[in-house]
Amino acid sequence: MAAPLTNTVHVALPDGCDLAATHVVFQRFGEVMGVESLPLKPPKVAVTFFDVRSAARAIEALGRSYCKPGPQVGARKVKLAADAPFDTADLAGVSSVDGEAGGAFVLEFYDIRDARRYQNRAAKPAAVKATRDAGESAVELPPGLEHAPTAPARARRKSTTASKPETRLPAAVPPPGLALPPGLEASQAVCEVLIHGLPNKLLSEPMMDAILQQAGFTSDVVVGFSATPGKPCGKVAVRFSCEASARRCVAHFA
């Protein structure tokens, strides 16, 4: 069932039915945020759900001749920085993901409450940073540090992808005084973890990079990953440089 781009439906109001009764009736399709009368004839009401999937169920069950999509109420999209915290338990509530320059990404949620929750999270670090910057600007640097060079920014690793799972040999150590045979100089141990049940729209490289970073897996332990879309959900094979990180990944996504 494809969700409409709105959480609101316009419904013909039967004779003798008031707003309270309409609210109760439409609760069968999902949590109702509100019901209000529309200045139309014949009489109609606007029923607004928290989740667009609830509106889709109402339209499918009642038919478009009686129940039609109305304008969206509330924001469903949230822009997050690449290092913004994200709870993997919320993956099923994301309808789409769009990557942006600099590693930022825009999440579109089905439910406006999820979008509001992440919007509030994103606003708090910005407020804290502004307060911290204001405090730091009021402190004078000690003599000799006014023009101290800044540390170079650490380059962000771009994850590699592969069409098939990759297995490599453990690192070889040659006897003293002997060089490694050609082709074994850069061999590296790899442990692979297969994660099932991820929405297809979350399998893009920027989104998977952000999900792994938020789970605590840095570029030091992630060798690469390859994603495979499916119906209705896909899977991703993540390759780690050590068994301990692979086991931690299994426990995290279990």
Protein backbone atom coordinates (compact mmCIF):
# COMPACT_ATOMS: atom_id res chain seq x y z
CA MET A 1 0.00 0.00 0.00
CA ALA A 2 1.54 3.26 -1.14
CA ALA A 3 1.25 6.00 1.45
CA PRO A 4 -0.15 9.32 0.23
CA LEU A 5 1.83 12.51 0.64
CA THR A 6 -0.55 13.70 3.32
CA ASN A 7 -1.83 12.78 6.76
CA THR A 8 -5.23 14.46 6.23
CA VAL A 9 -8.41 13.24 4.53
CA HIS A 10 -11.60 15.13 3.65
CA VAL A 11 -14.73 13.12 4.38
CA ALA A 12 -18.42 13.71 3.67
CA LEU A 13 -20.19 14.12 7.01
CA PRO A 14 -23.29 11.91 7.30
CA ASP A 15 -26.48 13.45 8.66
CA GLY A 16 -26.61 13.34 12.44
CA CYS A 17 -22.90 12.61 12.84
CA ASP A 18 -20.89 15.12 14.88
CA LEU A 19 -17.12 15.74 15.16
CA ALA A 20 -16.72 13.61 18.28
CA ALA A 21 -18.38 10.62 16.64
CA THR A 22 -16.25 11.08 13.51
CA HIS A 23 -13.11 11.11 15.67
CA VAL A 24 -14.07 7.78 17.23
CA VAL A 25 -14.94 6.18 13.88
CA PHE A 26 -11.62 7.10 12.24
CA GLN A 27 -9.53 5.91 15.19
CA ARG A 28 -9.88 2.44 13.66
CA PHE A 29 -7.39 3.49 10.96
CA GLY A 30 -4.80 5.01 13.31
CA GLU A 31 -4.31 7.69 15.93
CA VAL A 32 -6.28 10.81 15.03
CA MET A 33 -4.69 14.18 15.77
CA GLY A 34 -7.85 16.20 15.17
CA VAL A 35 -11.16 16.61 13.35
CA GLU A 36 -12.56 19.91 12.12
CA SER A 37 -15.50 21.07 10.02
CA LEU A 38 -14.97 22.41 6.50
CA PRO A 39 -17.04 25.30 5.10
CA LEU A 40 -18.38 23.19 2.23
CA LYS A 41 -21.71 21.91 1.00
CA PRO A 42 -22.58 19.15 1.35
CA PRO A 43 -20.98 19.16 4.84
CA LYS A 44 -17.46 17.73 5.06
CA VAL A 45 -14.83 17.33 7.77
CA ALA A 46 -11.05 17.19 7.72
CA VAL A 47 -9.64 14.25 9.65
CA THR A 48 -5.93 14.61 10.43
CA PHE A 49 -3.84 11.62 11.51
CA PHE A 50 -0.36 11.62 13.01
CA ASP A 51 0.82 9.06 10.44
CA VAL A 52 0.31 9.23 6.66
CA ARG A 53 -0.14 5.45 6.59
CA SER A 54 -3.30 5.84 8.67
CA ALA A 55 -4.70 8.23 6.05
CA ALA A 56 -3.81 5.69 3.35
CA ARG A 57 -5.74 2.96 5.19
CA ALA A 58 -8.79 5.22 5.50
CA ILE A 59 -8.78 6.07 1.78
CA GLU A 60 -8.30 2.44 0.79
CA ALA A 61 -11.09 1.22 3.05
CA LEU A 62 -13.67 3.94 2.32
CA GLY A 63 -12.88 4.74 -1.30
CA ARG A 64 -11.96 8.05 -2.89
CA SER A 65 -15.54 8.93 -3.71
CA TYR A 66 -16.21 9.30 0.02
CA CYS A 67 -12.74 9.93 1.46
CA LYS A 68 -10.26 12.14 -0.43
CA PRO A 69 -6.71 13.32 0.42
CA GLY A 70 -6.42 16.77 1.99
CA PRO A 71 -3.39 19.03 2.58
CA GLN A 72 -0.60 17.74 4.82
CA VAL A 73 -0.60 19.06 8.40
CA GLY A 74 2.77 19.21 10.16
CA ALA A 75 6.32 18.66 8.90
CA ARG A 76 7.58 15.17 8.06
CA LYS A 77 11.09 16.05 6.85
CA VAL A 78 14.12 16.69 9.06
CA LYS A 79 17.64 17.66 7.97
CA LEU A 80 20.35 16.00 10.08
CA ALA A 81 24.11 16.39 10.14
CA ALA A 82 26.28 13.37 9.27
CA ASP A 83 27.18 12.87 12.94
CA ALA A 84 23.65 13.43 14.32
CA PRO A 85 22.43 10.62 16.62
CA PHE A 86 19.97 8.18 15.06
CA ASP A 87 18.19 5.29 16.75
CA THR A 88 18.13 2.20 14.53
CA ALA A 89 14.77 1.29 16.08
CA ASP A 90 13.30 4.22 14.10
CA LEU A 91 14.36 2.86 10.70
CA ALA A 92 10.92 1.37 10.00
CA GLY A 93 9.36 4.81 10.46
CA VAL A 94 11.44 6.46 7.71
CA SER A 95 9.72 6.80 4.33
CA SER A 96 12.66 8.27 2.35
CA VAL A 97 16.24 9.50 2.67
CA ASP A 98 18.05 12.12 0.59
CA GLY A 99 21.79 12.76 0.93
CA GLU A 100 23.24 16.25 0.74
CA ALA A 101 26.69 17.79 0.34
CA GLY A 102 28.97 17.51 3.36
CA GLY A 103 27.48 14.22 4.53
CA ALA A 104 24.19 15.73 5.79
CA PHE A 105 20.96 13.93 4.95
CA VAL A 106 17.22 14.64 4.95
CA LEU A 107 14.93 12.07 6.55
CA GLU A 108 11.23 11.94 5.72
CA PHE A 109 9.14 10.17 8.36
CA TYR A 110 5.68 8.65 8.05
CA ASP A 111 4.67 10.06 11.44
CA ILE A 112 4.96 13.79 12.22
CA ARG A 113 5.72 12.95 15.87
CA ASP A 114 8.93 11.16 14.85
CA ALA A 115 9.92 14.13 12.70
CA ARG A 116 9.22 16.53 15.58
CA ARG A 117 11.30 14.40 17.95
CA TYR A 118 14.35 14.45 15.66
CA GLN A 119 13.86 18.13 14.88
CA ASN A 120 14.01 18.88 18.62
CA ARG A 121 17.16 16.75 18.95
CA ALA A 122 18.82 18.63 16.10
CA ALA A 123 17.91 22.00 17.63
CA LYS A 124 19.46 21.25 21.04
CA PRO A 125 23.09 20.75 19.88
CA ALA A 126 22.85 23.93 17.82
CA ALA A 127 21.74 25.92 20.87
CA VAL A 128 24.50 24.39 23.02
CA LYS A 129 27.13 25.15 20.36
CA ALA A 130 25.99 28.77 20.09
CA THR A 131 26.27 29.17 23.86
CA ARG A 132 29.69 27.52 23.92
CA ASP A 133 30.97 29.67 21.04
CA ALA A 134 29.76 32.82 22.78
CA GLY A 135 31.63 31.81 25.95
CA GLU A 136 34.82 30.92 24.11
CA SER A 137 34.86 34.21 22.21
CA ALA A 138 34.92 36.10 25.52
CA VAL A 139 38.09 34.31 26.73
CA GLU A 140 41.42 35.75 25.61
CA LEU A 141 44.13 33.35 24.47
CA PRO A 142 47.42 33.24 26.42
CA PRO A 143 50.38 35.16 24.91
CA GLY A 144 51.87 33.34 21.94
CA LEU A 145 48.72 31.35 21.09
CA GLU A 146 46.88 34.09 19.22
CA HIS A 147 48.02 32.69 15.87
CA ALA A 148 48.43 29.03 16.79
CA PRO A 149 47.84 26.77 13.76
CA THR A 150 44.70 24.69 13.80
CA ALA A 151 44.84 20.94 13.49
CA PRO A 152 44.01 19.69 9.99
CA ALA A 153 40.54 18.19 9.62
CA ARG A 154 40.46 14.42 9.50
CA ALA A 155 39.40 13.14 6.11
CA ARG A 156 36.10 11.28 6.11
CA ARG A 157 36.35 7.78 4.68
CA LYS A 158 34.21 6.96 1.73
CA SER A 159 32.79 3.47 2.18
CA THR A 160 33.56 0.93 -0.51
CA THR A 161 30.93 -1.34 -1.99
CA ALA A 162 31.15 -4.75 -3.61
CA SER A 163 28.66 -6.75 -5.63
CA LYS A 164 29.54 -9.93 -3.74
CA PRO A 165 30.65 -10.56 -0.13
CA GLU A 166 34.40 -10.42 0.13
CA THR A 167 36.63 -12.71 2.23
CA ARG A 168 40.35 -12.10 2.71
CA LEU A 169 43.14 -14.09 4.32
CA PRO A 170 44.54 -13.19 7.75
CA ALA A 171 47.53 -10.88 7.73
CA ALA A 172 50.73 -12.79 6.96
CA VAL A 173 53.94 -12.26 8.92
CA PRO A 174 57.17 -13.35 7.16
CA PRO A 175 60.15 -14.92 8.97
CA PRO A 176 62.90 -12.47 10.00
CA GLY A 177 64.87 -11.25 6.99
CA LEU A 178 62.37 -12.52 4.40
CA ALA A 179 59.89 -10.45 2.40
CA LEU A 180 56.27 -11.44 1.82
CA PRO A 181 55.45 -13.08 -1.54
CA PRO A 182 53.79 -10.77 -4.11
CA GLY A 183 50.08 -10.27 -3.41
CA LEU A 184 50.26 -10.88 0.34
CA GLU A 185 51.72 -7.55 1.41
CA ALA A 186 48.34 -5.95 2.16
CA SER A 187 46.25 -9.00 3.11
CA GLN A 188 43.81 -8.28 5.92
CA ALA A 189 41.41 -10.30 8.07
CA VAL A 190 37.76 -9.58 7.29
CA CYS A 191 34.63 -10.64 9.20
CA GLU A 192 31.29 -10.08 7.50
CA VAL A 193 27.90 -9.44 9.11
CA LEU A 194 24.64 -9.60 7.11
CA ILE A 195 21.92 -7.21 8.36
CA HIS A 196 18.37 -8.02 7.20
CA GLY A 197 15.12 -6.04 7.26
CA LEU A 198 16.39 -2.56 6.31
CA PRO A 199 14.03 -0.33 4.26
CA ASN A 200 15.32 -0.04 0.69
CA LYS A 201 15.46 3.75 0.87
CA LEU A 202 17.97 3.51 3.72
CA LEU A 203 20.46 1.44 1.71
CA SER A 204 22.16 4.42 0.06
CA GLU A 205 25.85 4.93 0.80
CA PRO A 206 25.43 8.23 2.75
CA MET A 207 22.67 6.78 4.92
CA MET A 208 24.46 3.50 5.67
CA ASP A 209 27.65 5.44 6.42
CA ALA A 210 25.71 7.56 8.93
CA ILE A 211 23.94 4.54 10.49
CA LEU A 212 27.23 2.69 11.03
CA GLN A 213 28.90 5.77 12.47
CA GLN A 214 26.02 6.32 14.89
CA ALA A 215 26.25 2.67 15.95
CA GLY A 216 29.88 3.33 16.94
CA PHE A 217 31.64 1.65 14.01
CA THR A 218 34.33 3.99 12.69
CA SER A 219 36.43 3.80 9.53
CA ASP A 220 39.13 2.06 11.57
CA VAL A 221 37.05 -1.14 11.82
CA VAL A 222 34.66 -0.94 8.83
CA VAL A 223 36.36 -2.28 5.72
CA GLY A 224 33.31 -1.71 3.51
CA PHE A 225 29.71 -2.72 2.88
CA SER A 226 27.46 -3.79 0.02
CA ALA A 227 23.69 -3.30 -0.01
CA THR A 228 21.06 -5.40 -1.78
CA PRO A 229 17.48 -4.04 -2.14
CA GLY A 230 14.61 -6.46 -1.64
CA LYS A 231 10.82 -6.72 -1.32
CA PRO A 232 9.69 -5.18 0.93
CA CYS A 233 13.03 -4.67 2.72
CA GLY A 234 16.65 -5.17 1.74
CA LYS A 235 19.89 -6.27 3.37
CA VAL A 236 23.43 -5.02 3.73
CA ALA A 237 26.66 -6.99 4.16
CA VAL A 238 29.11 -5.10 6.40
CA ARG A 239 32.77 -6.14 6.46
CA PHE A 240 34.84 -5.55 9.59
CA SER A 241 38.56 -5.74 10.19
CA CYS A 242 38.18 -7.72 13.44
CA GLU A 243 35.86 -10.34 14.91
CA ALA A 244 35.14 -8.27 18.04
CA SER A 245 33.57 -5.46 15.97
CA ALA A 246 31.56 -7.98 13.94
CA ARG A 247 30.14 -9.54 17.12
CA ARG A 248 29.29 -6.08 18.47
CA CYS A 249 27.44 -5.32 15.22
CA VAL A 250 25.37 -8.53 15.58
CA ALA A 251 24.43 -7.57 19.13
CA HIS A 252 23.56 -3.99 18.11
CA PHE A 253 21.22 -4.88 15.23
CA ALA A 254 19.73 -8.01 16.82
